Amino acid sequence: ALVHRPKVLVADEPTGNLDAITAHEIIDLLKKINDFGTTVVLVTHDRDIVNHLKRRVITMKDGKVARDHVGKYSLA
């Protein structure tokens, strides 16, 4: 899928069942993809990953946007 340089890449829980080291390798790879100009939509419940990225965070609650901010994981 990345060969054609998509404008958007959706990653739904890409680190869900991985150990911490492998998870951070995947996140670093997604950051590099983003650096090349692809928008990466990352869905995760892992607060450590969210806090590490320090990027835009959209928090959903009951199917609606509860918060839209830059920074860290928070419960809406």
PDB file of N, CA and C in Angstrom:
ATOM      1  N   ALA A   1       0.814  -1.198   0.000  1.00  0.00           N
ATOM      2  CA  ALA A   1       0.000   0.000   0.000  1.00  0.00           C
ATOM      3  C   ALA A   1       0.858   1.261   0.000  1.00  0.00           C
ATOM      4  N   LEU A   2       2.048   1.187   0.561  1.00  0.00           N
ATOM      5  CA  LEU A   2       2.896   2.374   0.649  1.00  0.00           C
ATOM      6  C   LEU A   2       3.672   2.664  -0.626  1.00  0.00           C
ATOM      7  N   VAL A   3       3.749   1.697  -1.529  1.00  0.00           N
ATOM      8  CA  VAL A   3       4.508   1.861  -2.767  1.00  0.00           C
ATOM      9  C   VAL A   3       3.986   3.041  -3.579  1.00  0.00           C
ATOM     10  N   HIS A   4       2.690   3.264  -3.553  1.00  0.00           N
ATOM     11  CA  HIS A   4       2.069   4.319  -4.350  1.00  0.00           C
ATOM     12  C   HIS A   4       1.979   5.651  -3.605  1.00  0.00           C
ATOM     13  N   ARG A   5       2.653   5.756  -2.459  1.00  0.00           N
ATOM     14  CA  ARG A   5       2.692   6.987  -1.658  1.00  0.00           C
ATOM     15  C   ARG A   5       1.291   7.556  -1.407  1.00  0.00           C
ATOM     16  N   PRO A   6       0.511   6.879  -0.602  1.00  0.00           N
ATOM     17  CA  PRO A   6      -0.852   7.353  -0.334  1.00  0.00           C
ATOM     18  C   PRO A   6      -0.832   8.675   0.426  1.00  0.00           C
ATOM     19  N   LYS A   7      -1.910   9.429   0.299  1.00  0.00           N
ATOM     20  CA  LYS A   7      -2.023  10.684   1.041  1.00  0.00           C
ATOM     21  C   LYS A   7      -2.359  10.425   2.500  1.00  0.00           C
ATOM     22  N   VAL A   8      -3.089   9.324   2.760  1.00  0.00           N
ATOM     23  CA  VAL A   8      -3.517   8.997   4.119  1.00  0.00           C
ATOM     24  C   VAL A   8      -3.266   7.516   4.383  1.00  0.00           C
ATOM     25  N   LEU A   9      -2.752   7.223   5.570  1.00  0.00           N
ATOM     26  CA  LEU A   9      -2.569   5.845   6.024  1.00  0.00           C
ATOM     27  C   LEU A   9      -3.305   5.704   7.353  1.00  0.00           C
ATOM     28  N   VAL A  10      -4.227   4.751   7.442  1.00  0.00           N
ATOM     29  CA  VAL A  10      -4.965   4.506   8.678  1.00  0.00           C
ATOM     30  C   VAL A  10      -4.366   3.285   9.354  1.00  0.00           C
ATOM     31  N   ALA A  11      -3.932   3.463  10.602  1.00  0.00           N
ATOM     32  CA  ALA A  11      -3.329   2.378  11.375  1.00  0.00           C
ATOM     33  C   ALA A  11      -4.187   2.147  12.620  1.00  0.00           C
ATOM     34  N   ASP A  12      -4.971   1.090  12.604  1.00  0.00           N
ATOM     35  CA  ASP A  12      -5.891   0.777  13.702  1.00  0.00           C
ATOM     36  C   ASP A  12      -5.212  -0.180  14.670  1.00  0.00           C
ATOM     37  N   GLU A  13      -4.819   0.336  15.825  1.00  0.00           N
ATOM     38  CA  GLU A  13      -4.136  -0.442  16.871  1.00  0.00           C
ATOM     39  C   GLU A  13      -2.939  -1.228  16.319  1.00  0.00           C
ATOM     40  N   PRO A  14      -2.006  -0.575  15.639  1.00  0.00           N
ATOM     41  CA  PRO A  14      -0.881  -1.302  15.038  1.00  0.00           C
ATOM     42  C   PRO A  14       0.082  -1.912  16.048  1.00  0.00           C
ATOM     43  N   THR A  15      -0.011  -1.487  17.304  1.00  0.00           N
ATOM     44  CA  THR A  15       0.906  -2.002  18.325  1.00  0.00           C
ATOM     45  C   THR A  15       0.186  -2.805  19.395  1.00  0.00           C
ATOM     46  N   GLY A  16      -1.067  -3.125  19.157  1.00  0.00           N
ATOM     47  CA  GLY A  16      -1.919  -3.751  20.165  1.00  0.00           C
ATOM     48  C   GLY A  16      -1.377  -4.997  20.832  1.00  0.00           C
ATOM     49  N   ASN A  17      -0.752  -5.888  20.095  1.00  0.00           N
ATOM     50  CA  ASN A  17      -0.271  -7.148  20.670  1.00  0.00           C
ATOM     51  C   ASN A  17       1.239  -7.284  20.596  1.00  0.00           C
ATOM     52  N   LEU A  18       1.937  -6.160  20.607  1.00  0.00           N
ATOM     53  CA  LEU A  18       3.393  -6.180  20.475  1.00  0.00           C
ATOM     54  C   LEU A  18       4.075  -5.833  21.790  1.00  0.00           C
ATOM     55  N   ASP A  19       5.304  -6.318  21.938  1.00  0.00           N
ATOM     56  CA  ASP A  19       6.089  -5.921  23.104  1.00  0.00           C
ATOM     57  C   ASP A  19       6.491  -4.456  22.929  1.00  0.00           C
ATOM     58  N   ALA A  20       6.952  -3.823  24.004  1.00  0.00           N
ATOM     59  CA  ALA A  20       7.240  -2.387  23.999  1.00  0.00           C
ATOM     60  C   ALA A  20       8.300  -1.997  22.971  1.00  0.00           C
ATOM     61  N   ILE A  21       9.333  -2.787  22.818  1.00  0.00           N
ATOM     62  CA  ILE A  21      10.411  -2.457  21.878  1.00  0.00           C
ATOM     63  C   ILE A  21       9.893  -2.473  20.442  1.00  0.00           C
ATOM     64  N   THR A  22       9.186  -3.527  20.076  1.00  0.00           N
ATOM     65  CA  THR A  22       8.643  -3.631  18.720  1.00  0.00           C
ATOM     66  C   THR A  22       7.598  -2.548  18.477  1.00  0.00           C
ATOM     67  N   ALA A  23       6.797  -2.250  19.484  1.00  0.00           N
ATOM     68  CA  ALA A  23       5.784  -1.199  19.353  1.00  0.00           C
ATOM     69  C   ALA A  23       6.435   0.139  19.022  1.00  0.00           C
ATOM     70  N   HIS A  24       7.522   0.466  19.707  1.00  0.00           N
ATOM     71  CA  HIS A  24       8.197   1.738  19.437  1.00  0.00           C
ATOM     72  C   HIS A  24       8.854   1.743  18.061  1.00  0.00           C
ATOM     73  N   GLU A  25       9.300   0.589  17.591  1.00  0.00           N
ATOM     74  CA  GLU A  25       9.846   0.499  16.232  1.00  0.00           C
ATOM     75  C   GLU A  25       8.755   0.789  15.200  1.00  0.00           C
ATOM     76  N   ILE A  26       7.562   0.261  15.430  1.00  0.00           N
ATOM     77  CA  ILE A  26       6.438   0.509  14.527  1.00  0.00           C
ATOM     78  C   ILE A  26       6.065   1.993  14.549  1.00  0.00           C
ATOM     79  N   ILE A  27       6.030   2.584  15.729  1.00  0.00           N
ATOM     80  CA  ILE A  27       5.702   4.005  15.846  1.00  0.00           C
ATOM     81  C   ILE A  27       6.749   4.855  15.142  1.00  0.00           C
ATOM     82  N   ASP A  28       8.021   4.508  15.294  1.00  0.00           N
ATOM     83  CA  ASP A  28       9.082   5.238  14.590  1.00  0.00           C
ATOM     84  C   ASP A  28       8.911   5.132  13.078  1.00  0.00           C
ATOM     85  N   LEU A  29       8.514   3.965  12.603  1.00  0.00           N
ATOM     86  CA  LEU A  29       8.268   3.775  11.173  1.00  0.00           C
ATOM     87  C   LEU A  29       7.100   4.648  10.701  1.00  0.00           C
ATOM     88  N   LEU A  30       6.030   4.698  11.483  1.00  0.00           N
ATOM     89  CA  LEU A  30       4.887   5.538  11.131  1.00  0.00           C
ATOM     90  C   LEU A  30       5.272   7.018  11.130  1.00  0.00           C
ATOM     91  N   LYS A  31       6.141   7.424  12.056  1.00  0.00           N
ATOM     92  CA  LYS A  31       6.617   8.808  12.077  1.00  0.00           C
ATOM     93  C   LYS A  31       7.412   9.128  10.817  1.00  0.00           C
ATOM     94  N   LYS A  32       8.237   8.191  10.354  1.00  0.00           N
ATOM     95  CA  LYS A  32       9.011   8.403   9.127  1.00  0.00           C
ATOM     96  C   LYS A  32       8.085   8.518   7.919  1.00  0.00           C
ATOM     97  N   ILE A  33       7.058   7.684   7.885  1.00  0.00           N
ATOM     98  CA  ILE A  33       6.076   7.758   6.797  1.00  0.00           C
ATOM     99  C   ILE A  33       5.419   9.136   6.805  1.00  0.00           C
ATOM    100  N   ASN A  34       5.085   9.625   7.990  1.00  0.00           N
ATOM    101  CA  ASN A  34       4.493  10.954   8.123  1.00  0.00           C
ATOM    102  C   ASN A  34       5.475  12.044   7.679  1.00  0.00           C
ATOM    103  N   ASP A  35       6.741  11.886   8.006  1.00  0.00           N
ATOM    104  CA  ASP A  35       7.764  12.860   7.598  1.00  0.00           C
ATOM    105  C   ASP A  35       7.881  12.966   6.082  1.00  0.00           C
ATOM    106  N   PHE A  36       7.551  11.892   5.367  1.00  0.00           N
ATOM    107  CA  PHE A  36       7.594  11.902   3.905  1.00  0.00           C
ATOM    108  C   PHE A  36       6.326  12.492   3.287  1.00  0.00           C
ATOM    109  N   GLY A  37       5.387  12.946   4.128  1.00  0.00           N
ATOM    110  CA  GLY A  37       4.221  13.651   3.612  1.00  0.00           C
ATOM    111  C   GLY A  37       2.903  12.916   3.669  1.00  0.00           C
ATOM    112  N   THR A  38       2.906  11.693   4.149  1.00  0.00           N
ATOM    113  CA  THR A  38       1.659  10.940   4.271  1.00  0.00           C
ATOM    114  C   THR A  38       1.011  11.255   5.617  1.00  0.00           C
ATOM    115  N   THR A  39      -0.272  11.574   5.595  1.00  0.00           N
ATOM    116  CA  THR A  39      -1.009  11.760   6.840  1.00  0.00           C
ATOM    117  C   THR A  39      -1.238  10.388   7.457  1.00  0.00           C
ATOM    118  N   VAL A  40      -0.878  10.237   8.727  1.00  0.00           N
ATOM    119  CA  VAL A  40      -1.063   8.968   9.427  1.00  0.00           C
ATOM    120  C   VAL A  40      -2.148   9.159  10.478  1.00  0.00           C
ATOM    121  N   VAL A  41      -3.220   8.388  10.348  1.00  0.00           N
ATOM    122  CA  VAL A  41      -4.279   8.370  11.351  1.00  0.00           C
ATOM    123  C   VAL A  41      -4.033   7.128  12.186  1.00  0.00           C
ATOM    124  N   LEU A  42      -3.649   7.338  13.435  1.00  0.00           N
ATOM    125  CA  LEU A  42      -3.293   6.245  14.337  1.00  0.00           C
ATOM    126  C   LEU A  42      -4.372   6.106  15.401  1.00  0.00           C
ATOM    127  N   VAL A  43      -4.972   4.939  15.470  1.00  0.00           N
ATOM    128  CA  VAL A  43      -5.978   4.649  16.488  1.00  0.00           C
ATOM    129  C   VAL A  43      -5.316   3.777  17.539  1.00  0.00           C
ATOM    130  N   THR A  44      -5.323   4.249  18.794  1.00  0.00           N
ATOM    131  CA  THR A  44      -4.702   3.476  19.866  1.00  0.00           C
ATOM    132  C   THR A  44      -5.323   3.822  21.211  1.00  0.00           C
ATOM    133  N   HIS A  45      -5.207   2.880  22.134  1.00  0.00           N
ATOM    134  CA  HIS A  45      -5.598   3.107  23.522  1.00  0.00           C
ATOM    135  C   HIS A  45      -4.355   3.204  24.405  1.00  0.00           C
ATOM    136  N   ASP A  46      -3.186   3.157  23.802  1.00  0.00           N
ATOM    137  CA  ASP A  46      -1.919   3.144  24.538  1.00  0.00           C
ATOM    138  C   ASP A  46      -1.483   4.568  24.872  1.00  0.00           C
ATOM    139  N   ARG A  47      -1.711   4.974  26.102  1.00  0.00           N
ATOM    140  CA  ARG A  47      -1.409   6.351  26.505  1.00  0.00           C
ATOM    141  C   ARG A  47       0.075   6.672  26.398  1.00  0.00           C
ATOM    142  N   ASP A  48       0.958   5.687  26.593  1.00  0.00           N
ATOM    143  CA  ASP A  48       2.395   5.944  26.477  1.00  0.00           C
ATOM    144  C   ASP A  48       2.771   6.356  25.056  1.00  0.00           C
ATOM    145  N   ILE A  49       2.188   5.699  24.075  1.00  0.00           N
ATOM    146  CA  ILE A  49       2.462   6.047  22.679  1.00  0.00           C
ATOM    147  C   ILE A  49       1.926   7.444  22.373  1.00  0.00           C
ATOM    148  N   VAL A  50       0.718   7.731  22.800  1.00  0.00           N
ATOM    149  CA  VAL A  50       0.123   9.048  22.557  1.00  0.00           C
ATOM    150  C   VAL A  50       0.974  10.138  23.194  1.00  0.00           C
ATOM    151  N   ASN A  51       1.367   9.941  24.438  1.00  0.00           N
ATOM    152  CA  ASN A  51       2.159  10.945  25.139  1.00  0.00           C
ATOM    153  C   ASN A  51       3.535  11.119  24.504  1.00  0.00           C
ATOM    154  N   HIS A  52       4.111  10.043  23.992  1.00  0.00           N
ATOM    155  CA  HIS A  52       5.430  10.090  23.353  1.00  0.00           C
ATOM    156  C   HIS A  52       5.391  10.882  22.046  1.00  0.00           C
ATOM    157  N   LEU A  53       4.317  10.740  21.284  1.00  0.00           N
ATOM    158  CA  LEU A  53       4.239  11.372  19.966  1.00  0.00           C
ATOM    159  C   LEU A  53       4.090  12.888  20.026  1.00  0.00           C
ATOM    160  N   LYS A  54       3.350  13.382  21.011  1.00  0.00           N
ATOM    161  CA  LYS A  54       3.105  14.818  21.135  1.00  0.00           C
ATOM    162  C   LYS A  54       2.581  15.412  19.824  1.00  0.00           C
ATOM    163  N   ARG A  55       1.587  14.765  19.274  1.00  0.00           N
ATOM    164  CA  ARG A  55       0.944  15.208  18.033  1.00  0.00           C
ATOM    165  C   ARG A  55      -0.519  15.515  18.318  1.00  0.00           C
ATOM    166  N   ARG A  56      -1.269  15.809  17.285  1.00  0.00           N
ATOM    167  CA  ARG A  56      -2.693  16.091  17.441  1.00  0.00           C
ATOM    168  C   ARG A  56      -3.400  14.855  17.975  1.00  0.00           C
ATOM    169  N   VAL A  57      -4.231  15.064  18.984  1.00  0.00           N
ATOM    170  CA  VAL A  57      -4.981  13.975  19.608  1.00  0.00           C
ATOM    171  C   VAL A  57      -6.467  14.316  19.539  1.00  0.00           C
ATOM    172  N   ILE A  58      -7.230  13.427  18.918  1.00  0.00           N
ATOM    173  CA  ILE A  58      -8.680  13.587  18.875  1.00  0.00           C
ATOM    174  C   ILE A  58      -9.267  12.465  19.721  1.00  0.00           C
ATOM    175  N   THR A  59      -9.960  12.843  20.777  1.00  0.00           N
ATOM    176  CA  THR A  59     -10.561  11.876  21.688  1.00  0.00           C
ATOM    177  C   THR A  59     -12.040  11.734  21.351  1.00  0.00           C
ATOM    178  N   MET A  60     -12.458  10.484  21.157  1.00  0.00           N
ATOM    179  CA  MET A  60     -13.849  10.196  20.814  1.00  0.00           C
ATOM    180  C   MET A  60     -14.580   9.654  22.043  1.00  0.00           C
ATOM    181  N   LYS A  61     -15.839  10.029  22.175  1.00  0.00           N
ATOM    182  CA  LYS A  61     -16.686   9.487  23.237  1.00  0.00           C
ATOM    183  C   LYS A  61     -18.095   9.341  22.674  1.00  0.00           C
ATOM    184  N   ASP A  62     -18.636   8.149  22.770  1.00  0.00           N
ATOM    185  CA  ASP A  62     -19.980   7.861  22.257  1.00  0.00           C
ATOM    186  C   ASP A  62     -20.121   8.255  20.784  1.00  0.00           C
ATOM    187  N   GLY A  63     -19.056   8.005  20.004  1.00  0.00           N
ATOM    188  CA  GLY A  63     -19.091   8.256  18.573  1.00  0.00           C
ATOM    189  C   GLY A  63     -18.939   9.710  18.160  1.00  0.00           C
ATOM    190  N   LYS A  64     -18.630  10.580  19.111  1.00  0.00           N
ATOM    191  CA  LYS A  64     -18.474  12.004  18.809  1.00  0.00           C
ATOM    192  C   LYS A  64     -17.120  12.497  19.304  1.00  0.00           C
ATOM    193  N   VAL A  65     -16.650  13.583  18.692  1.00  0.00           N
ATOM    194  CA  VAL A  65     -15.388  14.181  19.127  1.00  0.00           C
ATOM    195  C   VAL A  65     -15.608  14.827  20.486  1.00  0.00           C
ATOM    196  N   ALA A  66     -14.847  14.372  21.479  1.00  0.00           N
ATOM    197  CA  ALA A  66     -14.940  14.925  22.825  1.00  0.00           C
ATOM    198  C   ALA A  66     -13.854  15.973  23.059  1.00  0.00           C
ATOM    199  N   ARG A  67     -12.678  15.746  22.464  1.00  0.00           N
ATOM    200  CA  ARG A  67     -11.566  16.698  22.583  1.00  0.00           C
ATOM    201  C   ARG A  67     -10.741  16.653  21.310  1.00  0.00           C
ATOM    202  N   ASP A  68     -10.148  17.783  20.982  1.00  0.00           N
ATOM    203  CA  ASP A  68      -9.252  17.883  19.832  1.00  0.00           C
ATOM    204  C   ASP A  68      -8.140  18.832  20.256  1.00  0.00           C
ATOM    205  N   HIS A  69      -6.965  18.282  20.507  1.00  0.00           N
ATOM    206  CA  HIS A  69      -5.874  19.094  21.029  1.00  0.00           C
ATOM    207  C   HIS A  69      -4.526  18.485  20.653  1.00  0.00           C
ATOM    208  N   VAL A  70      -3.476  19.189  20.955  1.00  0.00           N
ATOM    209  CA  VAL A  70      -2.128  18.675  20.731  1.00  0.00           C
ATOM    210  C   VAL A  70      -1.580  18.259  22.074  1.00  0.00           C
ATOM    211  N   GLY A  71      -0.956  17.095  22.097  1.00  0.00           N
ATOM    212  CA  GLY A  71      -0.283  16.760  23.326  1.00  0.00           C
ATOM    213  C   GLY A  71      -0.460  15.392  23.852  1.00  0.00           C
ATOM    214  N   LYS A  72      -1.265  15.248  24.860  1.00  0.00           N
ATOM    215  CA  LYS A  72      -1.233  14.010  25.614  1.00  0.00           C
ATOM    216  C   LYS A  72      -2.592  13.331  25.709  1.00  0.00           C
ATOM    217  N   TYR A  73      -2.518  12.087  26.115  1.00  0.00           N
ATOM    218  CA  TYR A  73      -3.692  11.242  26.322  1.00  0.00           C
ATOM    219  C   TYR A  73      -4.492  11.777  27.504  1.00  0.00           C
ATOM    220  N   SER A  74      -5.781  11.842  27.348  1.00  0.00           N
ATOM    221  CA  SER A  74      -6.633  12.211  28.473  1.00  0.00           C
ATOM    222  C   SER A  74      -7.978  11.533  28.304  1.00  0.00           C
ATOM    223  N   LEU A  75      -8.611  11.291  29.394  1.00  0.00           N
ATOM    224  CA  LEU A  75      -9.954  10.713  29.347  1.00  0.00           C
ATOM    225  C   LEU A  75     -10.950  11.845  29.219  1.00  0.00           C
ATOM    226  N   ALA A  76     -11.848  11.718  28.277  1.00  0.00           N
ATOM    227  CA  ALA A  76     -12.838  12.784  28.050  1.00  0.00           C
ATOM    228  C   ALA A  76     -13.902  12.761  29.120  1.00  0.00           C
TER     229      ALA A  76
END
